[in-house]
């Protein structure tokens, strides 16, 4: 009996350990290009939102990149041609910090990381192993590159093999058989091999920047060259009825749509890193003009504006979406949708009505005022409503395949938590009054609407019951564009009410579990003119 008891105890403990090991320790915030994981003796392709586990070896292929978010809020951003392994990881928010542990290995390539709770509360439990040294932290933010005959200096010569890095915040300690040495803020280091003491570099090697290869920079220059730098007076020749399939764009008449020639996936050399504090944080990657840039997959963008020809509400995500951020005021300067077929620039106009919805989804919204421009099919125009926008981390499309497990509910209501002030064709700002959306994740339908007031006129824009959710690689959302739908009322007008000639309303889900819904809307009506605005909604009962 005693032997049997020991056997069953050992079996029970083995099962418990196996279950514990099977728990995910993080997920892919972004997977661009060829990103795989070696797991159980085979390679598995990873997409944005995929879970990662202890023992996983994550590979980012050529012209690819990945960002992994861990359960303690740490983020690891892998550059192309990198191999990264999760050796050990243990974190429970209610556990003593001494029990937490994070041990990783950079086997090839480079990474940038912002450490999380483990790094802040149990520094002895954190290790990043590289070819010639092990990194321990005395801070929170650093970059690391392993060179194996594949790093070039600024003058084109081949850099010596070894481990290079730099400290962007706090301090790090590098240790190997030769000893240990600490490095502080804005210091850069080199470790030739495991038997050589880490050395301080006089400056930052150029290859420490998180850049893609020459092809990416060439593509970025070509994309930049296509962007206009002026408004040419063709105020309403927007012509974006001919946008490609795949984007969720509300148009007044779908019969005018044609696929057109879709550009190649945008390869501007940048990686999205949306901070947990609600700010737009980015790596030090730049586009060809030196501007800080952010792009998806993982990044969603929705914009609205209205011209004399049509109301526009366009939602997109994935490799065709990019924004450029002004590092001085942390504001969106430019955007690019549909692989560059629609671009926008604020032209140094103020960004107002800005707001953030922090947490999972990390939403940033605002309005470019009059003077900002949008270019579609080579025509540049200046929307009198300005350009309203929402930026955030997208909900992975695969959550719809298992909504109850991933989202926590089969159906949910969404209430407004933030908005810009809607504007009309004269630039006058009004007030967002409210709205409600009901989503049936099992049936994949949405219904609801928004209400707002500008001057004496109140607008109500419904999304009809049974409207289908649209899911494609990178984006889950909806788009409708009714003619002669919706209502306007005016308290002190000769005509007190009417039906809106054209309106467009679209939305995208943000957050790993569809916790948020970003909605953009616009109208064009003979009686009331043009309007545009955005609002952010929060799920009442979705998993936090």
Protein backbone atom coordinates (compact mmCIF):
# COMPACT_ATOMS: atom_id res chain seq x y z
CA UNK A 1 0.00 0.00 0.00
CA UNK A 2 2.83 2.31 0.83
CA UNK A 3 4.39 1.83 -2.61
CA UNK A 4 1.04 2.38 -4.28
CA UNK A 5 0.53 5.59 -2.33
CA UNK A 6 3.91 6.86 -3.44
CA UNK A 7 3.14 5.88 -7.02
CA UNK A 8 -0.17 7.74 -7.09
CA UNK A 9 1.38 10.75 -5.35
CA UNK A 10 4.15 10.86 -7.92
CA UNK A 11 1.64 10.51 -10.73
CA UNK A 12 -0.52 13.31 -9.31
CA UNK A 13 2.45 15.65 -8.95
CA UNK A 14 3.53 14.83 -12.49
CA UNK A 15 0.09 15.72 -13.81
CA UNK A 16 0.07 18.98 -11.82
CA UNK A 17 3.50 19.91 -13.17
CA UNK A 18 2.42 19.06 -16.72
CA UNK A 19 -0.66 21.25 -16.39
CA UNK A 20 1.43 24.08 -14.97
CA UNK A 21 3.90 23.79 -17.84
CA UNK A 22 1.02 23.90 -20.32
CA UNK A 23 -0.11 27.32 -19.14
CA UNK A 24 0.70 30.11 -21.63
CA UNK A 25 3.23 32.66 -20.40
CA UNK A 26 2.50 35.29 -23.02
CA UNK A 27 1.20 35.96 -26.50
CA UNK A 28 2.33 37.46 -29.78
CA UNK A 29 1.44 41.15 -29.77
CA UNK A 30 2.69 41.41 -33.34
CA UNK A 31 3.83 38.84 -35.88
CA UNK A 32 5.10 40.35 -39.14
CA UNK A 33 6.12 38.01 -41.94
CA UNK A 34 7.52 34.55 -41.25
CA UNK A 35 7.33 33.97 -37.48
CA UNK A 36 7.44 30.39 -36.21
CA UNK A 37 7.86 28.51 -32.96
CA UNK A 38 9.65 25.22 -32.43
CA UNK A 39 7.44 23.23 -30.09
CA UNK A 40 7.19 19.50 -29.49
CA UNK A 41 9.73 18.71 -32.18
CA UNK A 42 7.98 20.61 -34.95
CA UNK A 43 7.75 24.14 -36.31
CA UNK A 44 4.43 25.97 -36.01
CA UNK A 45 3.58 29.24 -37.76
CA UNK A 46 2.65 32.05 -35.34
CA UNK A 47 0.18 34.86 -35.93
CA UNK A 48 -0.69 37.92 -33.93
CA UNK A 49 -2.42 36.83 -30.73
CA UNK A 50 -0.87 33.35 -30.61
CA UNK A 51 0.13 32.07 -27.17
CA UNK A 52 3.69 31.15 -26.17
CA UNK A 53 4.86 28.65 -23.54
CA UNK A 54 7.93 27.73 -21.53
CA UNK A 55 10.34 25.84 -23.77
CA UNK A 56 9.23 27.58 -26.97
CA UNK A 57 11.90 28.71 -29.43
CA UNK A 58 10.54 31.63 -31.45
CA UNK A 59 12.09 32.41 -34.84
CA UNK A 60 11.61 35.58 -36.88
CA UNK A 61 12.56 34.96 -40.52
CA UNK A 62 14.07 37.30 -43.05
CA UNK A 63 12.12 40.54 -43.46
CA UNK A 64 10.08 39.50 -40.40
CA UNK A 65 9.68 40.67 -36.82
CA UNK A 66 7.75 39.74 -33.71
CA UNK A 67 6.76 41.20 -30.37
CA UNK A 68 5.97 38.98 -27.42
CA UNK A 69 4.00 40.29 -24.45
CA UNK A 70 4.45 38.30 -21.24
CA UNK A 71 1.99 37.94 -18.36
CA UNK A 72 4.09 40.23 -16.12
CA UNK A 73 3.74 43.00 -18.77
CA UNK A 74 7.26 42.51 -20.15
CA UNK A 75 7.66 42.98 -23.90
CA UNK A 76 10.35 41.41 -26.11
CA UNK A 77 10.63 42.75 -29.68
CA UNK A 78 12.56 40.47 -32.06
CA UNK A 79 14.17 41.82 -35.20
CA UNK A 80 14.43 39.84 -38.44
CA UNK A 81 16.53 36.66 -38.54
CA UNK A 82 16.39 36.24 -34.76
CA UNK A 83 15.98 33.13 -32.61
CA UNK A 84 14.71 33.52 -29.03
CA UNK A 85 13.98 30.81 -26.45
CA UNK A 86 11.84 30.90 -23.30
CA UNK A 87 13.89 28.76 -20.88
CA UNK A 88 12.11 29.37 -17.58
CA UNK A 89 9.17 31.52 -16.58
CA UNK A 90 7.00 31.65 -13.48
CA UNK A 91 4.72 34.53 -12.56
CA UNK A 92 1.50 34.84 -10.61
CA UNK A 93 0.41 38.34 -9.67
CA UNK A 94 -0.50 37.26 -6.13
CA UNK A 95 2.70 35.25 -5.54
CA UNK A 96 5.68 36.49 -3.58
CA UNK A 97 8.17 38.19 -5.90
CA UNK A 98 10.88 35.76 -4.82
CA UNK A 99 8.98 32.93 -6.54
CA UNK A 100 8.85 34.75 -9.89
CA UNK A 101 11.41 33.90 -12.53
CA UNK A 102 12.16 34.79 -16.16
CA UNK A 103 15.09 33.19 -17.97
CA UNK A 104 15.45 33.69 -21.73
CA UNK A 105 18.07 32.97 -24.39
CA UNK A 106 18.88 35.04 -27.46
CA UNK A 107 20.38 32.39 -29.73
CA UNK A 108 20.68 34.53 -32.83
CA UNK A 109 19.86 38.01 -34.12
CA UNK A 110 18.69 40.87 -31.95
CA UNK A 111 15.98 42.05 -29.63
CA UNK A 112 14.78 44.97 -27.64
CA UNK A 113 12.98 44.47 -24.36
CA UNK A 114 11.12 46.37 -21.70
CA UNK A 115 11.08 44.24 -18.56
CA UNK A 116 7.94 43.74 -16.52
CA UNK A 117 6.98 43.01 -12.93
CA UNK A 118 9.52 40.20 -12.55
CA UNK A 119 12.37 42.45 -13.58
CA UNK A 120 11.22 45.18 -11.21
CA UNK A 121 10.51 43.04 -8.14
CA UNK A 122 12.89 40.07 -8.38
CA UNK A 123 15.98 41.10 -10.31
CA UNK A 124 17.83 37.97 -9.21
CA UNK A 125 15.17 35.89 -10.93
CA UNK A 126 15.70 37.55 -14.33
CA UNK A 127 18.33 36.45 -16.86
CA UNK A 128 18.82 36.97 -20.59
CA UNK A 129 21.43 34.58 -21.95
CA UNK A 130 23.38 35.46 -25.07
CA UNK A 131 26.31 33.93 -26.91
CA UNK A 132 29.11 35.35 -24.76
CA UNK A 133 27.44 36.70 -21.62
CA UNK A 134 24.36 36.63 -19.43
CA UNK A 135 22.44 39.85 -18.87
CA UNK A 136 21.03 40.63 -15.47
CA UNK A 137 19.08 43.81 -14.97
CA UNK A 138 19.38 46.81 -12.72
CA UNK A 139 16.80 48.63 -14.84
CA UNK A 140 14.07 48.07 -17.34
CA UNK A 141 14.94 48.76 -20.98
CA UNK A 142 17.81 47.58 -23.17
CA UNK A 143 18.71 46.24 -26.61
CA UNK A 144 20.84 43.22 -27.48
CA UNK A 145 22.33 41.84 -30.72
CA UNK A 146 24.35 38.66 -31.30
CA UNK A 147 26.67 39.08 -34.32
CA UNK A 148 27.76 35.97 -36.22
CA UNK A 149 29.36 37.27 -39.40
CA UNK A 150 26.13 39.13 -40.14
CA UNK A 151 26.57 42.66 -38.68
CA UNK A 152 27.98 45.57 -40.67
CA UNK A 153 29.51 48.75 -39.30
CA UNK A 154 28.48 52.16 -40.63
CA UNK A 155 31.41 52.12 -43.08
CA UNK A 156 30.30 48.77 -44.49
CA UNK A 157 32.98 46.66 -42.83
CA UNK A 158 32.04 43.47 -41.03
CA UNK A 159 31.69 43.88 -37.28
CA UNK A 160 33.54 41.50 -34.97
CA UNK A 161 31.51 38.54 -33.77
CA UNK A 162 30.14 38.72 -30.25
CA UNK A 163 27.35 40.23 -28.20
CA UNK A 164 26.53 43.95 -28.51
CA UNK A 165 23.98 46.00 -26.63
CA UNK A 166 22.91 49.30 -25.15
CA UNK A 167 20.99 50.57 -22.14
CA UNK A 168 17.94 52.72 -22.84
CA UNK A 169 16.69 52.98 -19.26
CA UNK A 170 18.16 51.94 -15.90
CA UNK A 171 21.22 49.66 -15.69
CA UNK A 172 22.24 46.15 -16.81
CA UNK A 173 24.93 43.81 -15.55
CA UNK A 174 26.78 41.51 -17.97
CA UNK A 175 28.49 38.44 -16.53
CA UNK A 176 30.59 35.59 -17.93
CA UNK A 177 33.59 33.52 -16.85
CA UNK A 178 35.84 36.59 -17.02
CA UNK A 179 33.77 38.60 -14.54
CA UNK A 180 30.86 41.01 -14.32
CA UNK A 181 30.46 44.63 -15.40
CA UNK A 182 27.56 47.07 -15.16
CA UNK A 183 26.45 49.59 -17.78
CA UNK A 184 24.11 52.54 -17.34
CA UNK A 185 21.83 54.80 -19.35
CA UNK A 186 23.01 55.51 -22.93
CA UNK A 187 26.04 53.24 -22.55
CA UNK A 188 26.86 50.62 -25.18
CA UNK A 189 28.85 47.44 -24.74
CA UNK A 190 30.56 44.56 -26.53
CA UNK A 191 31.44 41.06 -25.31
CA UNK A 192 33.75 39.16 -27.66
CA UNK A 193 33.31 35.71 -26.09
CA UNK A 194 32.50 33.94 -22.84
CA UNK A 195 36.09 34.34 -21.58
CA UNK A 196 36.47 38.06 -22.27
CA UNK A 197 35.32 40.83 -19.92
CA UNK A 198 32.53 43.04 -21.33
CA UNK A 199 33.86 46.28 -22.87
CA UNK A 200 32.40 49.78 -22.96
CA UNK A 201 31.96 51.15 -26.49
CA UNK A 202 32.56 54.83 -27.26
CA UNK A 203 29.38 55.05 -29.34
CA UNK A 204 26.42 53.08 -30.58
CA UNK A 205 27.10 50.74 -33.51
CA UNK A 206 24.73 51.46 -36.37
CA UNK A 207 23.44 47.89 -36.49
CA UNK A 208 21.96 48.26 -32.99
CA UNK A 209 19.13 50.22 -34.56
CA UNK A 210 16.11 47.96 -35.14
CA UNK A 211 16.19 48.22 -38.93
CA UNK A 212 15.08 45.84 -41.58
CA UNK A 213 17.38 45.27 -44.54
CA UNK A 214 18.07 47.48 -47.55
CA UNK A 215 14.96 46.28 -49.32
CA UNK A 216 12.77 47.63 -46.55
CA UNK A 217 14.50 50.99 -46.62
CA UNK A 218 14.15 51.13 -50.41
CA UNK A 219 10.45 50.38 -50.17
CA UNK A 220 10.07 53.02 -47.48
CA UNK A 221 11.75 55.60 -49.70
CA UNK A 222 9.46 54.69 -52.56
CA UNK A 223 6.39 54.95 -50.35
CA UNK A 224 7.60 58.27 -48.97
CA UNK A 225 8.15 59.58 -52.48
CA UNK A 226 4.54 58.77 -53.35
CA UNK A 227 3.19 60.79 -50.42
CA UNK A 228 2.32 64.40 -51.26
CA UNK A 229 3.68 67.27 -49.21
CA UNK A 230 1.14 69.82 -50.20
CA UNK A 231 -2.57 70.32 -50.76
CA UNK A 232 -3.05 70.92 -54.47
CA UNK A 233 -6.46 72.48 -54.25
CA UNK A 234 -8.30 69.43 -55.59
CA UNK A 235 -10.39 69.58 -52.47
CA UNK A 236 -12.93 66.89 -53.20
CA UNK A 237 -11.34 64.71 -55.85
CA UNK A 238 -10.84 61.95 -53.36
CA UNK A 239 -12.06 59.11 -55.53
CA UNK A 240 -11.56 56.46 -52.85
CA UNK A 241 -14.59 54.52 -54.03
CA UNK A 242 -12.08 52.38 -55.88
CA UNK A 243 -10.25 51.08 -52.82
CA UNK A 244 -9.19 47.44 -52.76
CA UNK A 245 -11.04 44.56 -51.21
CA UNK A 246 -10.00 43.61 -47.74
CA UNK A 247 -10.19 46.95 -45.95
CA UNK A 248 -13.32 47.60 -43.96
CA UNK A 249 -14.33 50.86 -45.58
CA UNK A 250 -17.85 52.23 -45.52
CA UNK A 251 -18.73 53.66 -48.91
CA UNK A 252 -21.97 55.21 -50.14
CA UNK A 253 -22.37 52.72 -53.01
CA UNK A 254 -20.62 49.36 -53.08
CA UNK A 255 -21.31 49.05 -56.81
CA UNK A 256 -18.46 51.49 -57.44
CA UNK A 257 -15.93 49.21 -55.72
CA UNK A 258 -13.26 47.39 -57.69
CA UNK A 259 -10.23 45.58 -56.38
CA UNK A 260 -7.65 47.61 -58.26
CA UNK A 261 -3.97 46.82 -57.97
CA UNK A 262 -3.08 46.38 -54.36
CA UNK A 263 0.39 47.49 -53.34
CA UNK A 264 2.85 45.11 -51.74
CA UNK A 265 2.79 44.85 -47.96
CA UNK A 266 4.25 47.98 -46.44
CA UNK A 267 7.79 47.24 -45.28
CA UNK A 268 8.69 50.54 -43.64
CA UNK A 269 11.38 49.71 -41.10
CA UNK A 270 9.49 50.03 -37.85
CA UNK A 271 7.76 47.93 -35.24
CA UNK A 272 4.68 48.79 -33.20
CA UNK A 273 5.22 48.87 -29.45
CA UNK A 274 2.09 50.24 -27.85
CA UNK A 275 2.80 51.01 -24.21
CA UNK A 276 0.67 49.74 -21.34
CA UNK A 277 0.51 53.28 -19.91
CA UNK A 278 -1.58 54.51 -22.81
CA UNK A 279 1.23 56.30 -24.63
CA UNK A 280 2.35 55.44 -28.12
CA UNK A 281 5.81 54.03 -27.44
CA UNK A 282 7.99 53.05 -30.37
CA UNK A 283 11.34 51.48 -31.04
CA UNK A 284 14.04 53.78 -32.41
CA UNK A 285 13.31 52.62 -35.94
CA UNK A 286 12.84 55.39 -38.47
CA UNK A 287 11.44 55.71 -41.93
CA UNK A 288 13.62 56.95 -44.78
CA UNK A 289 13.13 60.57 -43.65
CA UNK A 290 14.17 59.85 -40.07
CA UNK A 291 10.67 60.02 -38.60
CA UNK A 292 9.68 57.61 -35.84
CA UNK A 293 7.22 55.14 -37.32
CA UNK A 294 4.81 52.47 -36.12
CA UNK A 295 3.18 49.77 -38.20
CA UNK A 296 1.16 46.56 -37.89
CA UNK A 297 0.03 43.78 -37.96
CA UNK A 298 -1.16 44.27 -34.42
CA UNK A 299 -1.87 47.92 -35.11
CA UNK A 300 -5.35 49.08 -36.10
CA UNK A 301 -6.33 52.46 -37.50
CA UNK A 302 -9.74 53.93 -38.26
CA UNK A 303 -10.33 57.42 -39.71
CA UNK A 304 -13.35 59.51 -40.62
CA UNK A 305 -13.90 62.72 -42.57
CA UNK A 306 -16.41 64.07 -45.08
CA UNK A 307 -15.96 65.74 -48.44
CA UNK A 308 -18.34 67.26 -50.96
CA UNK A 309 -18.56 63.92 -52.75
CA UNK A 310 -19.02 61.40 -49.92
CA UNK A 311 -18.71 60.63 -46.21
CA UNK A 312 -15.67 58.48 -45.40
CA UNK A 313 -15.18 55.99 -42.60
CA UNK A 314 -12.22 53.67 -43.24
CA UNK A 315 -10.93 50.93 -40.95
CA UNK A 316 -7.81 48.89 -41.64
CA UNK A 317 -5.07 46.93 -39.93
CA UNK A 318 -2.15 44.63 -40.62
CA UNK A 319 0.86 45.21 -42.84
CA UNK A 320 -0.94 47.83 -44.92
CA UNK A 321 -1.40 50.17 -41.96
CA UNK A 322 1.23 52.54 -40.62
CA UNK A 323 1.39 55.75 -38.64
CA UNK A 324 4.22 58.23 -38.17
CA UNK A 325 4.56 59.72 -34.71
CA UNK A 326 6.04 63.12 -33.92
CA UNK A 327 8.49 62.31 -31.09
CA UNK A 328 8.30 65.83 -29.68
CA UNK A 329 4.63 65.82 -28.73
CA UNK A 330 3.90 62.10 -29.14
CA UNK A 331 1.19 62.88 -31.70
CA UNK A 332 0.22 61.11 -34.91
CA UNK A 333 1.71 63.09 -37.82
CA UNK A 334 0.85 60.87 -40.77
CA UNK A 335 -1.01 57.68 -41.53
CA UNK A 336 -1.02 55.18 -44.33
CA UNK A 337 -3.88 52.74 -45.04
CA UNK A 338 -4.28 49.90 -47.52
CA UNK A 339 -0.56 49.59 -48.20
CA UNK A 340 -0.28 53.26 -49.07
CA UNK A 341 -3.37 53.71 -51.25
CA UNK A 342 -4.83 56.15 -48.72
CA UNK A 343 -2.49 58.49 -46.83
CA UNK A 344 -3.01 61.42 -44.52
CA UNK A 345 -0.89 64.21 -43.07
CA UNK A 346 -1.74 66.72 -40.37
CA UNK A 347 0.65 69.30 -41.91
CA UNK A 348 1.59 70.68 -38.47
CA UNK A 349 -2.03 71.51 -37.68
CA UNK A 350 -3.06 71.05 -34.04
CA UNK A 351 -4.23 67.67 -32.75
CA UNK A 352 -7.18 68.32 -30.46
CA UNK A 353 -9.81 66.32 -28.59
CA UNK A 354 -7.09 63.76 -27.97
CA UNK A 355 -7.66 61.01 -25.47
CA UNK A 356 -6.50 57.56 -24.40
CA UNK A 357 -8.18 54.42 -23.18
CA UNK A 358 -5.39 52.66 -21.32
CA UNK A 359 -5.05 48.95 -20.74
CA UNK A 360 -5.34 46.04 -23.13
CA UNK A 361 -5.98 47.65 -26.50
CA UNK A 362 -4.07 50.82 -25.58
CA UNK A 363 -6.24 53.18 -27.59
CA UNK A 364 -5.23 56.65 -28.69
CA UNK A 365 -7.69 58.97 -30.48
CA UNK A 366 -7.92 62.56 -31.63
CA UNK A 367 -8.73 64.99 -34.42
CA UNK A 368 -6.56 66.75 -36.95
CA UNK A 369 -8.03 70.20 -37.47
CA UNK A 370 -8.73 71.99 -40.76
CA UNK A 371 -5.61 72.14 -42.92
CA UNK A 372 -4.80 68.46 -42.61
CA UNK A 373 -4.88 66.55 -45.88
CA UNK A 374 -5.84 63.12 -47.19
CA UNK A 375 -4.57 61.65 -50.46
CA UNK A 376 -6.34 58.89 -52.35
CA UNK A 377 -5.30 57.61 -55.79
CA UNK A 378 -2.95 60.56 -56.19
CA UNK A 379 -5.57 63.23 -55.44
CA UNK A 380 -5.03 65.39 -52.38
CA UNK A 381 -7.86 67.17 -50.59
CA UNK A 382 -8.49 69.02 -47.35
CA UNK A 383 -11.55 67.73 -45.48
CA UNK A 384 -13.38 70.69 -43.91
CA UNK A 385 -14.41 68.44 -41.03
CA UNK A 386 -10.78 67.72 -40.24
CA UNK A 387 -9.71 64.09 -39.83
CA UNK A 388 -10.83 62.07 -36.80
CA UNK A 389 -8.81 58.96 -35.97
CA UNK A 390 -8.48 55.99 -33.58
CA UNK A 391 -5.27 53.96 -33.15
CA UNK A 392 -4.98 50.81 -31.05
CA UNK A 393 -3.87 47.20 -30.63
CA UNK A 394 -6.15 44.93 -32.65
CA UNK A 395 -8.20 42.00 -31.44
CA UNK A 396 -6.82 38.80 -33.04
CA UNK A 397 -9.31 37.48 -35.62
CA UNK A 398 -9.09 33.95 -34.23
CA UNK A 399 -10.98 34.94 -31.06
CA UNK A 400 -14.19 34.64 -33.09
CA UNK A 401 -13.54 30.93 -33.53
CA UNK A 402 -13.78 30.42 -29.76
CA UNK A 403 -15.49 33.53 -28.37
CA UNK A 404 -16.70 32.16 -25.06
CA UNK A 405 -13.24 30.87 -24.14
CA UNK A 406 -11.32 33.87 -25.49
CA UNK A 407 -13.72 36.75 -24.79
CA UNK A 408 -15.57 35.21 -21.86
CA UNK A 409 -19.08 35.78 -23.21
CA UNK A 410 -21.23 34.75 -26.16
CA UNK A 411 -22.79 38.22 -26.48
CA UNK A 412 -22.07 41.60 -24.94
CA UNK A 413 -23.11 45.25 -24.84
CA UNK A 414 -20.61 48.08 -25.42
CA UNK A 415 -20.91 51.51 -23.76
CA UNK A 416 -19.08 54.74 -24.75
CA UNK A 417 -15.92 55.62 -22.79
CA UNK A 418 -14.37 58.36 -24.93
CA UNK A 419 -14.82 60.41 -28.09
CA UNK A 420 -13.74 63.43 -30.07
CA UNK A 421 -16.14 66.33 -30.52
CA UNK A 422 -17.91 65.73 -33.85
CA UNK A 423 -17.40 68.46 -36.47
CA UNK A 424 -19.35 69.82 -39.41
CA UNK A 425 -18.34 71.24 -42.78
CA UNK A 426 -17.43 74.61 -41.32
CA UNK A 427 -15.19 73.04 -38.71
CA UNK A 428 -17.65 73.77 -35.91
CA UNK A 429 -17.33 71.26 -33.05
CA UNK A 430 -20.32 69.73 -31.34
CA UNK A 431 -21.02 67.18 -28.63
CA UNK A 432 -21.11 63.39 -28.67
CA UNK A 433 -24.36 62.43 -26.95
CA UNK A 434 -24.01 58.69 -26.60
CA UNK A 435 -24.55 55.32 -28.16
CA UNK A 436 -24.74 51.60 -27.56
CA UNK A 437 -23.65 48.51 -29.48
CA UNK A 438 -24.80 44.93 -28.95
CA UNK A 439 -22.57 42.17 -30.30
CA UNK A 440 -23.48 38.51 -30.75
CA UNK A 441 -20.11 36.79 -31.08
CA UNK A 442 -21.62 33.40 -31.86
CA UNK A 443 -23.81 34.71 -34.68
CA UNK A 444 -21.07 37.23 -35.60
CA UNK A 445 -23.49 40.16 -35.81
CA UNK A 446 -23.63 43.67 -34.39
CA UNK A 447 -26.32 46.32 -33.93
CA UNK A 448 -26.56 49.73 -32.30
CA UNK A 449 -25.66 53.27 -33.22
CA UNK A 450 -24.40 56.70 -32.19
CA UNK A 451 -25.98 60.07 -31.48
CA UNK A 452 -24.37 63.53 -31.49
CA UNK A 453 -25.23 67.20 -31.78
CA UNK A 454 -23.57 70.05 -33.70
CA UNK A 455 -25.15 73.47 -33.29
CA UNK A 456 -28.93 73.05 -33.31
CA UNK A 457 -28.88 69.76 -35.21
CA UNK A 458 -28.90 66.31 -33.60
CA UNK A 459 -27.81 63.28 -35.64
CA UNK A 460 -28.68 59.62 -35.06
CA UNK A 461 -26.75 57.01 -37.06
CA UNK A 462 -27.96 53.42 -36.62
CA UNK A 463 -26.14 50.18 -37.35
CA UNK A 464 -29.01 47.84 -38.35
CA UNK A 465 -29.71 44.65 -36.44
CA UNK A 466 -28.04 41.65 -38.04
CA UNK A 467 -25.11 43.60 -39.47
CA UNK A 468 -22.34 41.06 -40.01
CA UNK A 469 -19.00 41.24 -38.27
CA UNK A 470 -16.19 41.18 -40.78
CA UNK A 471 -13.06 39.17 -39.98
CA UNK A 472 -9.98 39.07 -42.17
CA UNK A 473 -6.26 38.70 -41.40
CA UNK A 474 -5.47 41.38 -38.85
CA UNK A 475 -8.87 42.98 -38.27
CA UNK A 476 -12.26 42.19 -36.78
CA UNK A 477 -14.93 44.85 -37.18
CA UNK A 478 -17.87 46.07 -39.27
CA UNK A 479 -18.76 48.64 -41.92
CA UNK A 480 -22.08 50.00 -43.20
CA UNK A 481 -22.96 52.87 -45.53
CA UNK A 482 -26.72 53.38 -45.91
CA UNK A 483 -28.31 55.83 -48.28
CA UNK A 484 -31.37 57.70 -47.01
CA UNK A 485 -30.89 56.26 -43.53
CA UNK A 486 -30.41 57.75 -40.12
CA UNK A 487 -32.16 60.85 -38.82
CA UNK A 488 -31.45 64.49 -38.08
CA UNK A 489 -33.60 66.84 -36.01
CA UNK A 490 -33.38 70.59 -35.50
CA UNK A 491 -35.07 72.40 -32.62
CA UNK A 492 -35.12 75.89 -34.13
CA UNK A 493 -35.32 75.32 -37.88
CA UNK A 494 -38.02 75.78 -40.48
CA UNK A 495 -37.65 72.08 -41.26
CA UNK A 496 -37.36 70.26 -37.97
CA UNK A 497 -36.30 66.76 -39.08
CA UNK A 498 -35.19 64.68 -42.01
CA UNK A 499 -33.48 61.54 -43.25
CA UNK A 500 -29.72 61.69 -43.87
CA UNK A 501 -28.81 61.30 -47.54
CA UNK A 502 -25.57 59.35 -46.96
CA UNK A 503 -23.68 58.23 -43.90
CA UNK A 504 -20.78 55.87 -43.30
CA UNK A 505 -19.97 54.14 -40.03
CA UNK A 506 -17.35 51.47 -39.35
CA UNK A 507 -15.57 50.00 -36.36
CA UNK A 508 -12.80 47.71 -35.22
CA UNK A 509 -12.34 45.64 -32.07
CA UNK A 510 -9.32 46.48 -29.93
CA UNK A 511 -7.69 44.50 -27.14
CA UNK A 512 -6.73 40.83 -26.95
CA UNK A 513 -10.28 39.84 -25.91
CA UNK A 514 -12.36 42.39 -27.83
CA UNK A 515 -12.66 44.56 -24.73
CA UNK A 516 -13.00 47.74 -26.81
CA UNK A 517 -14.74 48.85 -29.98
CA UNK A 518 -13.49 51.89 -31.89
CA UNK A 519 -16.15 53.49 -34.11
CA UNK A 520 -15.72 56.19 -36.78
CA UNK A 521 -18.61 57.87 -38.59
CA UNK A 522 -19.34 60.59 -41.15
CA UNK A 523 -22.35 62.06 -43.00
CA UNK A 524 -23.15 63.99 -46.18
CA UNK A 525 -26.62 65.49 -46.49
CA UNK A 526 -28.14 68.21 -48.67
CA UNK A 527 -29.93 69.82 -45.72
CA UNK A 528 -27.32 69.51 -42.94
CA UNK A 529 -24.04 69.32 -44.87
CA UNK A 530 -21.07 67.26 -43.71
CA UNK A 531 -20.15 65.84 -40.30
CA UNK A 532 -17.57 63.43 -38.90
CA UNK A 533 -16.46 62.01 -35.54
CA UNK A 534 -15.26 58.99 -33.56
CA UNK A 535 -16.12 57.24 -30.31
CA UNK A 536 -14.61 54.41 -28.26
CA UNK A 537 -16.83 51.83 -26.57
CA UNK A 538 -15.99 49.40 -23.75
CA UNK A 539 -17.43 45.89 -23.30
CA UNK A 540 -19.49 45.49 -20.12
CA UNK A 541 -18.76 41.81 -19.49
CA UNK A 542 -15.73 40.73 -21.57
CA UNK A 543 -12.69 39.29 -19.81
CA UNK A 544 -10.41 42.07 -18.49
